[in-house]
Each structure stands twice: as structure tokens, then as C-alpha cells.
Amino acid sequence: MPGTSATILLVEDDPNDVFFLQYAFEQAGIKNPTRIVADGQEAIDYLSGAGKFTDRSQFPVPALVLLDLKLPVIMGLDVLRWIKEQPDLRTLLVVVMTSSKDPSDIYEAYHLGARSYLVKPLSVHDRLEIAKAIKLYWLGLNMLPNPIASAPAPPPGTA
């Protein structure tokens, strides 16, 4: 289980949504370190450890990504597409958290590997319920693969 030390990456460009989600996390007792990036390019840079995100002690690979779809620079679906192409990130848990109810966005997000699709609620109460669900399921009950244990063994004579 990820526990409270697992980092959450929030990819969100709206400061109000960031504030209200952080407030909901606080109220739900989520103590996990949360890193915030405001556009799709920053999300890719963070996940790849590029630019200002090279220090993995400060910017660890997240256990959970909360991804908005409507982002500046690079859209959320393009971030999902990029993640899907990265061998080291194929098991990354990405939960889409967006205002879009468009069936094509929902379909495409799942097609590209999103593990869940949540529509951002408007009420503080509903945001708290989502935060509690994230804490219980994604940060509590859910088991993550151990990337070292699941990596295929190197071919004989190459190790």
C-alpha cells in the first residue's frame, strides 16, 4: 500500500481547484506530499525528471497522478498518451479529474490508460467525499506493483 509517504502529483492549472482540492485533502487527513504542476509540459518534465525536476529526492516519481484534461501548453490527453509510451511509467496510477463530461474524453482517457475518471464537483462537501475516496482506495487499499520485482530478468549473459 502506498501509505502517507507516497507522493501525489496534481496536474491542475486553475488555482481555485488547487486550493479547494488541497483543502479537501487536509480535511480528509491526506498527509501525502503533493507536488503541483500547472500545465501538461510541466507534468511531462516532472515525470521524466527533466529541467527543474531532476532532483528525485525533492521531486520523486509519484504513486498517484491527478490529471486535469483541459491544460495549457500540452493537453491532459496528450500527457496520458506520453505516459503510455514510457516503459518505466506504464504502471503509473493516473486518475483524471476534470470538468469535462464529454463521452469522447472519457473514452479516450480510459483508452490511454487512465485508471479512473472523475468529474470535478462544485461543492466543498463533494470534493471532500472525493478526497476521502482517494485516501481510502488509491492511498489505502490499493496495492501497487513493485517495479523491481516485476521487471523481467535480463537475458542470460547480459547481466
N, C-alpha and C. Protein backbone atom coordinates (compact mmCIF):
# COMPACT_ATOMS: atom_id res chain seq x y z
N MET A 1 0.84 -1.18 0.00
CA MET A 1 0.00 0.00 0.00
C MET A 1 0.88 1.24 0.00
N PRO A 2 0.47 2.27 -0.71
CA PRO A 2 1.30 3.46 -0.82
C PRO A 2 1.59 4.16 0.50
N GLY A 3 0.62 4.29 1.38
CA GLY A 3 0.86 4.97 2.66
C GLY A 3 0.99 6.47 2.53
N THR A 4 1.39 7.11 3.63
CA THR A 4 1.42 8.57 3.66
C THR A 4 2.69 9.17 3.09
N SER A 5 3.67 8.35 2.75
CA SER A 5 4.90 8.90 2.18
C SER A 5 4.86 8.95 0.66
N ALA A 6 3.87 8.29 0.05
CA ALA A 6 3.76 8.27 -1.40
C ALA A 6 3.37 9.65 -1.92
N THR A 7 4.10 10.11 -2.90
CA THR A 7 3.86 11.43 -3.46
C THR A 7 2.68 11.41 -4.43
N ILE A 8 1.90 12.48 -4.38
CA ILE A 8 0.80 12.70 -5.32
C ILE A 8 1.23 13.85 -6.23
N LEU A 9 1.04 13.68 -7.53
CA LEU A 9 1.28 14.76 -8.48
C LEU A 9 -0.07 15.28 -8.95
N LEU A 10 -0.33 16.54 -8.66
CA LEU A 10 -1.56 17.19 -9.10
C LEU A 10 -1.23 18.05 -10.31
N VAL A 11 -1.86 17.74 -11.44
CA VAL A 11 -1.65 18.49 -12.67
C VAL A 11 -2.91 19.31 -12.90
N GLU A 12 -2.84 20.58 -12.51
CA GLU A 12 -4.02 21.44 -12.49
C GLU A 12 -3.60 22.89 -12.73
N ASP A 13 -4.26 23.56 -13.65
CA ASP A 13 -3.91 24.95 -13.98
C ASP A 13 -4.77 25.98 -13.27
N ASP A 14 -5.89 25.58 -12.67
CA ASP A 14 -6.78 26.52 -12.01
C ASP A 14 -6.42 26.64 -10.53
N PRO A 15 -5.93 27.80 -10.10
CA PRO A 15 -5.53 27.96 -8.69
C PRO A 15 -6.67 27.70 -7.71
N ASN A 16 -7.91 27.99 -8.11
CA ASN A 16 -9.05 27.72 -7.23
C ASN A 16 -9.24 26.21 -7.04
N ASP A 17 -9.12 25.45 -8.12
CA ASP A 17 -9.25 24.00 -8.00
C ASP A 17 -8.12 23.42 -7.14
N VAL A 18 -6.92 23.95 -7.29
CA VAL A 18 -5.80 23.51 -6.46
C VAL A 18 -6.10 23.79 -4.99
N PHE A 19 -6.55 25.00 -4.70
CA PHE A 19 -6.85 25.39 -3.32
C PHE A 19 -7.91 24.49 -2.71
N PHE A 20 -9.02 24.30 -3.43
CA PHE A 20 -10.12 23.51 -2.88
C PHE A 20 -9.76 22.04 -2.73
N LEU A 21 -8.95 21.51 -3.65
CA LEU A 21 -8.53 20.12 -3.50
C LEU A 21 -7.57 19.97 -2.33
N GLN A 22 -6.64 20.91 -2.18
CA GLN A 22 -5.73 20.85 -1.03
C GLN A 22 -6.51 20.95 0.28
N TYR A 23 -7.51 21.80 0.31
CA TYR A 23 -8.36 21.93 1.50
C TYR A 23 -9.09 20.61 1.78
N ALA A 24 -9.64 19.99 0.74
CA ALA A 24 -10.32 18.71 0.90
C ALA A 24 -9.36 17.63 1.39
N PHE A 25 -8.13 17.61 0.84
CA PHE A 25 -7.12 16.66 1.31
C PHE A 25 -6.84 16.86 2.79
N GLU A 26 -6.68 18.12 3.20
CA GLU A 26 -6.42 18.43 4.60
C GLU A 26 -7.57 17.93 5.48
N GLN A 27 -8.80 18.22 5.06
CA GLN A 27 -9.97 17.80 5.83
C GLN A 27 -10.11 16.27 5.88
N ALA A 28 -9.69 15.60 4.82
CA ALA A 28 -9.77 14.13 4.76
C ALA A 28 -8.61 13.46 5.47
N GLY A 29 -7.62 14.25 5.90
CA GLY A 29 -6.47 13.67 6.60
C GLY A 29 -5.42 13.09 5.67
N ILE A 30 -5.40 13.52 4.43
CA ILE A 30 -4.36 13.06 3.49
C ILE A 30 -3.10 13.85 3.78
N LYS A 31 -2.08 13.16 4.24
CA LYS A 31 -0.83 13.81 4.62
C LYS A 31 0.29 13.58 3.60
N ASN A 32 -0.04 12.92 2.51
CA ASN A 32 0.95 12.64 1.48
C ASN A 32 1.51 13.92 0.90
N PRO A 33 2.81 13.93 0.60
CA PRO A 33 3.35 15.10 -0.09
C PRO A 33 2.69 15.24 -1.46
N THR A 34 2.26 16.45 -1.76
CA THR A 34 1.60 16.72 -3.04
C THR A 34 2.42 17.75 -3.80
N ARG A 35 2.82 17.38 -5.00
CA ARG A 35 3.52 18.29 -5.89
C ARG A 35 2.51 18.78 -6.92
N ILE A 36 2.61 20.04 -7.28
CA ILE A 36 1.63 20.64 -8.19
C ILE A 36 2.36 21.21 -9.40
N VAL A 37 1.86 20.87 -10.58
CA VAL A 37 2.33 21.48 -11.81
C VAL A 37 1.11 22.03 -12.54
N ALA A 38 1.31 23.10 -13.30
CA ALA A 38 0.18 23.85 -13.86
C ALA A 38 -0.09 23.63 -15.34
N ASP A 39 0.72 22.81 -16.01
CA ASP A 39 0.43 22.54 -17.42
C ASP A 39 0.99 21.18 -17.80
N GLY A 40 0.58 20.73 -18.98
CA GLY A 40 0.98 19.40 -19.43
C GLY A 40 2.47 19.24 -19.65
N GLN A 41 3.15 20.29 -20.12
CA GLN A 41 4.60 20.18 -20.31
C GLN A 41 5.31 20.02 -18.97
N GLU A 42 4.86 20.77 -17.96
CA GLU A 42 5.45 20.61 -16.63
C GLU A 42 5.21 19.21 -16.09
N ALA A 43 4.05 18.63 -16.37
CA ALA A 43 3.77 17.26 -15.92
C ALA A 43 4.75 16.28 -16.56
N ILE A 44 4.98 16.42 -17.86
CA ILE A 44 5.93 15.55 -18.56
C ILE A 44 7.33 15.77 -18.01
N ASP A 45 7.72 17.03 -17.81
CA ASP A 45 9.05 17.31 -17.26
C ASP A 45 9.20 16.68 -15.87
N TYR A 46 8.17 16.83 -15.04
CA TYR A 46 8.22 16.25 -13.69
C TYR A 46 8.38 14.73 -13.78
N LEU A 47 7.52 14.09 -14.56
CA LEU A 47 7.53 12.63 -14.64
C LEU A 47 8.82 12.08 -15.25
N SER A 48 9.43 12.84 -16.15
CA SER A 48 10.67 12.39 -16.78
C SER A 48 11.91 12.86 -16.01
N GLY A 49 11.71 13.67 -14.98
CA GLY A 49 12.85 14.16 -14.21
C GLY A 49 13.69 15.15 -14.99
N ALA A 50 13.05 15.96 -15.81
CA ALA A 50 13.77 16.91 -16.67
C ALA A 50 13.71 18.32 -16.08
N GLY A 51 14.65 19.15 -16.53
CA GLY A 51 14.65 20.56 -16.14
C GLY A 51 14.75 20.74 -14.63
N LYS A 52 13.86 21.54 -14.08
CA LYS A 52 13.91 21.84 -12.65
C LYS A 52 13.48 20.66 -11.78
N PHE A 53 13.07 19.54 -12.40
CA PHE A 53 12.60 18.37 -11.65
C PHE A 53 13.62 17.23 -11.61
N THR A 54 14.88 17.52 -11.87
CA THR A 54 15.89 16.46 -11.92
C THR A 54 16.21 15.85 -10.56
N ASP A 55 16.03 16.59 -9.48
CA ASP A 55 16.35 16.09 -8.13
C ASP A 55 15.22 15.20 -7.63
N ARG A 56 15.39 13.87 -7.77
CA ARG A 56 14.34 12.94 -7.39
C ARG A 56 14.10 12.88 -5.88
N SER A 57 15.05 13.36 -5.07
CA SER A 57 14.77 13.42 -3.64
C SER A 57 13.74 14.52 -3.34
N GLN A 58 13.75 15.55 -4.15
CA GLN A 58 12.79 16.64 -3.99
C GLN A 58 11.52 16.42 -4.82
N PHE A 59 11.68 15.77 -5.96
CA PHE A 59 10.56 15.53 -6.89
C PHE A 59 10.48 14.04 -7.23
N PRO A 60 10.09 13.20 -6.25
CA PRO A 60 10.05 11.76 -6.51
C PRO A 60 8.97 11.37 -7.51
N VAL A 61 9.17 10.24 -8.15
CA VAL A 61 8.14 9.72 -9.03
C VAL A 61 6.89 9.51 -8.19
N PRO A 62 5.77 10.03 -8.62
CA PRO A 62 4.55 9.93 -7.80
C PRO A 62 3.95 8.53 -7.81
N ALA A 63 3.23 8.23 -6.74
CA ALA A 63 2.46 6.98 -6.69
C ALA A 63 1.10 7.18 -7.37
N LEU A 64 0.66 8.45 -7.42
CA LEU A 64 -0.65 8.77 -7.96
C LEU A 64 -0.57 10.12 -8.66
N VAL A 65 -1.15 10.19 -9.86
CA VAL A 65 -1.25 11.44 -10.61
C VAL A 65 -2.73 11.79 -10.74
N LEU A 66 -3.08 12.99 -10.33
CA LEU A 66 -4.42 13.53 -10.55
C LEU A 66 -4.29 14.52 -11.70
N LEU A 67 -4.90 14.20 -12.82
CA LEU A 67 -4.65 14.91 -14.07
C LEU A 67 -5.90 15.59 -14.61
N ASP A 68 -5.81 16.91 -14.76
CA ASP A 68 -6.87 17.65 -15.46
C ASP A 68 -6.66 17.43 -16.95
N LEU A 69 -7.72 17.52 -17.73
CA LEU A 69 -7.59 17.35 -19.18
C LEU A 69 -7.40 18.66 -19.91
N LYS A 70 -8.06 19.70 -19.46
CA LYS A 70 -8.01 20.99 -20.14
C LYS A 70 -6.86 21.81 -19.55
N LEU A 71 -5.69 21.66 -20.15
CA LEU A 71 -4.47 22.28 -19.64
C LEU A 71 -3.82 23.15 -20.69
N PRO A 72 -3.06 24.17 -20.25
CA PRO A 72 -2.28 24.94 -21.22
C PRO A 72 -1.04 24.16 -21.68
N VAL A 73 -0.45 24.60 -22.74
CA VAL A 73 0.78 24.08 -23.37
C VAL A 73 0.55 22.69 -23.96
N ILE A 74 0.34 21.67 -23.14
CA ILE A 74 0.06 20.32 -23.61
C ILE A 74 -1.18 19.84 -22.86
N MET A 75 -2.17 19.37 -23.60
CA MET A 75 -3.43 18.92 -23.00
C MET A 75 -3.25 17.61 -22.23
N GLY A 76 -4.18 17.36 -21.31
CA GLY A 76 -4.11 16.18 -20.46
C GLY A 76 -4.11 14.86 -21.22
N LEU A 77 -4.91 14.77 -22.28
CA LEU A 77 -4.91 13.53 -23.06
C LEU A 77 -3.56 13.29 -23.72
N ASP A 78 -2.88 14.35 -24.10
CA ASP A 78 -1.54 14.20 -24.67
C ASP A 78 -0.53 13.77 -23.61
N VAL A 79 -0.73 14.23 -22.37
CA VAL A 79 0.12 13.76 -21.26
C VAL A 79 -0.11 12.26 -21.05
N LEU A 80 -1.36 11.84 -21.06
CA LEU A 80 -1.66 10.40 -20.93
C LEU A 80 -1.03 9.60 -22.06
N ARG A 81 -1.12 10.12 -23.27
CA ARG A 81 -0.51 9.44 -24.43
C ARG A 81 1.00 9.31 -24.22
N TRP A 82 1.64 10.37 -23.72
CA TRP A 82 3.09 10.33 -23.48
C TRP A 82 3.41 9.30 -22.39
N ILE A 83 2.63 9.28 -21.30
CA ILE A 83 2.87 8.32 -20.22
C ILE A 83 2.79 6.89 -20.75
N LYS A 84 1.80 6.63 -21.57
CA LYS A 84 1.60 5.28 -22.12
C LYS A 84 2.82 4.82 -22.92
N GLU A 85 3.55 5.75 -23.52
CA GLU A 85 4.72 5.42 -24.34
C GLU A 85 5.99 5.23 -23.52
N GLN A 86 5.95 5.51 -22.22
CA GLN A 86 7.14 5.43 -21.37
C GLN A 86 7.17 4.08 -20.65
N PRO A 87 8.12 3.21 -20.98
CA PRO A 87 8.16 1.89 -20.34
C PRO A 87 8.20 1.95 -18.81
N ASP A 88 8.92 2.90 -18.26
CA ASP A 88 9.05 2.99 -16.80
C ASP A 88 7.81 3.54 -16.11
N LEU A 89 6.85 4.06 -16.87
CA LEU A 89 5.66 4.67 -16.27
C LEU A 89 4.37 3.91 -16.59
N ARG A 90 4.49 2.76 -17.20
CA ARG A 90 3.28 2.04 -17.63
C ARG A 90 2.38 1.64 -16.47
N THR A 91 2.93 1.46 -15.28
CA THR A 91 2.10 1.08 -14.13
C THR A 91 1.68 2.29 -13.30
N LEU A 92 2.03 3.48 -13.74
CA LEU A 92 1.68 4.70 -13.00
C LEU A 92 0.16 4.85 -12.90
N LEU A 93 -0.31 5.14 -11.70
CA LEU A 93 -1.74 5.34 -11.49
C LEU A 93 -2.10 6.77 -11.86
N VAL A 94 -2.91 6.92 -12.88
CA VAL A 94 -3.37 8.24 -13.30
C VAL A 94 -4.89 8.28 -13.18
N VAL A 95 -5.35 9.22 -12.36
CA VAL A 95 -6.78 9.45 -12.20
C VAL A 95 -7.08 10.80 -12.85
N VAL A 96 -7.93 10.78 -13.85
CA VAL A 96 -8.34 12.02 -14.49
C VAL A 96 -9.34 12.71 -13.57
N MET A 97 -9.11 13.99 -13.33
CA MET A 97 -10.00 14.80 -12.51
C MET A 97 -10.22 16.10 -13.28
N THR A 98 -11.37 16.19 -13.94
CA THR A 98 -11.59 17.26 -14.89
C THR A 98 -13.03 17.74 -14.83
N SER A 99 -13.32 18.81 -15.51
CA SER A 99 -14.69 19.31 -15.58
C SER A 99 -15.44 18.73 -16.78
N SER A 100 -14.74 18.05 -17.67
CA SER A 100 -15.35 17.53 -18.89
C SER A 100 -16.18 16.27 -18.63
N LYS A 101 -17.42 16.32 -19.13
CA LYS A 101 -18.29 15.14 -19.11
C LYS A 101 -18.43 14.57 -20.52
N ASP A 102 -17.63 15.06 -21.44
CA ASP A 102 -17.70 14.65 -22.83
C ASP A 102 -17.39 13.15 -22.96
N PRO A 103 -18.33 12.37 -23.50
CA PRO A 103 -18.09 10.92 -23.63
C PRO A 103 -16.82 10.57 -24.40
N SER A 104 -16.45 11.38 -25.39
CA SER A 104 -15.22 11.08 -26.13
C SER A 104 -13.98 11.31 -25.27
N ASP A 105 -14.00 12.31 -24.37
CA ASP A 105 -12.89 12.50 -23.43
C ASP A 105 -12.79 11.31 -22.48
N ILE A 106 -13.94 10.87 -21.99
CA ILE A 106 -13.95 9.72 -21.05
C ILE A 106 -13.39 8.49 -21.74
N TYR A 107 -13.89 8.19 -22.93
CA TYR A 107 -13.41 7.03 -23.67
C TYR A 107 -11.91 7.11 -23.93
N GLU A 108 -11.47 8.26 -24.44
CA GLU A 108 -10.06 8.41 -24.79
C GLU A 108 -9.16 8.31 -23.56
N ALA A 109 -9.59 8.89 -22.44
CA ALA A 109 -8.79 8.82 -21.21
C ALA A 109 -8.59 7.37 -20.78
N TYR A 110 -9.65 6.59 -20.79
CA TYR A 110 -9.51 5.17 -20.42
C TYR A 110 -8.68 4.42 -21.46
N HIS A 111 -8.90 4.72 -22.72
CA HIS A 111 -8.14 4.08 -23.80
C HIS A 111 -6.63 4.33 -23.63
N LEU A 112 -6.28 5.51 -23.14
CA LEU A 112 -4.87 5.87 -22.96
C LEU A 112 -4.30 5.46 -21.61
N GLY A 113 -5.09 4.77 -20.80
CA GLY A 113 -4.53 4.21 -19.57
C GLY A 113 -4.96 4.84 -18.26
N ALA A 114 -5.89 5.80 -18.29
CA ALA A 114 -6.37 6.35 -17.02
C ALA A 114 -7.01 5.23 -16.22
N ARG A 115 -6.81 5.25 -14.91
CA ARG A 115 -7.37 4.21 -14.05
C ARG A 115 -8.75 4.58 -13.52
N SER A 116 -9.08 5.87 -13.59
CA SER A 116 -10.37 6.36 -13.13
C SER A 116 -10.61 7.71 -13.80
N TYR A 117 -11.88 8.10 -13.86
CA TYR A 117 -12.25 9.38 -14.47
C TYR A 117 -13.27 10.04 -13.55
N LEU A 118 -12.89 11.14 -12.96
CA LEU A 118 -13.75 11.87 -12.02
C LEU A 118 -14.05 13.25 -12.57
N VAL A 119 -15.32 13.64 -12.48
CA VAL A 119 -15.70 15.00 -12.85
C VAL A 119 -15.61 15.84 -11.60
N LYS A 120 -14.89 16.97 -11.71
CA LYS A 120 -14.71 17.84 -10.55
C LYS A 120 -16.05 18.30 -10.01
N PRO A 121 -16.28 18.05 -8.74
CA PRO A 121 -17.54 18.53 -8.16
C PRO A 121 -17.46 20.02 -7.83
N LEU A 122 -18.61 20.65 -7.75
CA LEU A 122 -18.65 22.08 -7.44
C LEU A 122 -18.71 22.34 -5.94
N SER A 123 -19.32 21.43 -5.19
CA SER A 123 -19.49 21.69 -3.76
C SER A 123 -18.28 21.24 -2.95
N VAL A 124 -18.04 21.95 -1.87
CA VAL A 124 -16.95 21.59 -0.95
C VAL A 124 -17.21 20.20 -0.38
N HIS A 125 -18.46 19.90 -0.05
CA HIS A 125 -18.80 18.60 0.51
C HIS A 125 -18.44 17.47 -0.47
N ASP A 126 -18.78 17.63 -1.74
CA ASP A 126 -18.49 16.59 -2.73
C ASP A 126 -16.98 16.45 -2.97
N ARG A 127 -16.25 17.56 -2.90
CA ARG A 127 -14.79 17.48 -3.03
C ARG A 127 -14.19 16.71 -1.86
N LEU A 128 -14.74 16.93 -0.68
CA LEU A 128 -14.27 16.19 0.50
C LEU A 128 -14.56 14.70 0.33
N GLU A 129 -15.70 14.34 -0.22
CA GLU A 129 -16.03 12.93 -0.44
C GLU A 129 -15.05 12.30 -1.43
N ILE A 130 -14.69 13.03 -2.47
CA ILE A 130 -13.70 12.51 -3.42
C ILE A 130 -12.35 12.33 -2.73
N ALA A 131 -11.95 13.31 -1.92
CA ALA A 131 -10.67 13.21 -1.19
C ALA A 131 -10.68 11.99 -0.27
N LYS A 132 -11.78 11.75 0.41
CA LYS A 132 -11.89 10.58 1.30
C LYS A 132 -11.79 9.29 0.50
N ALA A 133 -12.42 9.27 -0.67
CA ALA A 133 -12.35 8.08 -1.52
C ALA A 133 -10.93 7.84 -2.03
N ILE A 134 -10.24 8.91 -2.40
CA ILE A 134 -8.84 8.79 -2.84
C ILE A 134 -8.00 8.23 -1.70
N LYS A 135 -8.21 8.75 -0.52
CA LYS A 135 -7.45 8.28 0.65
C LYS A 135 -7.73 6.81 0.92
N LEU A 136 -9.00 6.44 0.93
CA LEU A 136 -9.36 5.07 1.26
C LEU A 136 -8.87 4.09 0.19
N TYR A 137 -9.21 4.37 -1.06
CA TYR A 137 -8.90 3.40 -2.10
C TYR A 137 -7.48 3.51 -2.66
N TRP A 138 -7.18 4.65 -3.31
CA TRP A 138 -5.91 4.78 -4.03
C TRP A 138 -4.70 4.83 -3.10
N LEU A 139 -4.86 5.45 -1.92
CA LEU A 139 -3.73 5.58 -1.00
C LEU A 139 -3.78 4.57 0.15
N GLY A 140 -4.86 3.81 0.24
CA GLY A 140 -5.02 2.87 1.34
C GLY A 140 -5.10 1.43 0.89
N LEU A 141 -6.22 1.06 0.31
CA LEU A 141 -6.47 -0.34 -0.04
C LEU A 141 -5.72 -0.82 -1.27
N ASN A 142 -5.52 0.05 -2.23
CA ASN A 142 -4.91 -0.33 -3.49
C ASN A 142 -3.46 -0.78 -3.32
N MET A 143 -3.10 -1.89 -3.95
CA MET A 143 -1.72 -2.38 -3.94
C MET A 143 -1.02 -1.94 -5.22
N LEU A 144 0.18 -1.45 -5.06
CA LEU A 144 0.98 -1.02 -6.21
C LEU A 144 1.98 -2.10 -6.58
N PRO A 145 2.28 -2.23 -7.86
CA PRO A 145 3.30 -3.21 -8.25
C PRO A 145 4.67 -2.72 -7.81
N ASN A 146 5.52 -3.66 -7.45
CA ASN A 146 6.90 -3.34 -7.13
C ASN A 146 7.66 -3.36 -8.46
N PRO A 147 8.13 -2.20 -8.93
CA PRO A 147 8.75 -2.17 -10.26
C PRO A 147 9.99 -3.06 -10.36
N ILE A 148 10.71 -3.26 -9.26
CA ILE A 148 11.91 -4.11 -9.31
C ILE A 148 11.51 -5.57 -9.42
N ALA A 149 10.51 -5.98 -8.62
CA ALA A 149 10.09 -7.37 -8.62
C ALA A 149 9.42 -7.75 -9.93
N SER A 150 8.76 -6.80 -10.59
CA SER A 150 8.01 -7.15 -11.80
C SER A 150 8.83 -6.96 -13.07
N ALA A 151 10.00 -6.38 -12.95
CA ALA A 151 10.83 -6.18 -14.14
C ALA A 151 11.34 -7.52 -14.65
N PRO A 152 11.30 -7.74 -15.95
CA PRO A 152 11.78 -9.02 -16.50
C PRO A 152 13.28 -9.16 -16.25
N ALA A 153 13.70 -10.38 -16.06
CA ALA A 153 15.13 -10.67 -15.86
C ALA A 153 15.87 -10.41 -17.17
N PRO A 154 17.11 -9.92 -17.07
CA PRO A 154 17.89 -9.70 -18.30
C PRO A 154 18.20 -11.05 -18.96
N PRO A 155 18.36 -11.04 -20.27
CA PRO A 155 18.70 -12.29 -20.97
C PRO A 155 20.02 -12.85 -20.43
N PRO A 156 20.17 -14.17 -20.45
CA PRO A 156 21.42 -14.79 -19.97
C PRO A 156 22.64 -14.21 -20.68
N GLY A 157 23.68 -13.99 -19.91
CA GLY A 157 24.94 -13.49 -20.47
C GLY A 157 25.00 -12.00 -20.66
N THR A 158 23.93 -11.24 -20.30
CA THR A 158 23.95 -9.80 -20.47
C THR A 158 24.04 -9.07 -19.15
N ALA A 159 23.87 -9.76 -18.04
CA ALA A 159 23.90 -9.10 -16.73
C ALA A 159 25.29 -8.87 -16.26
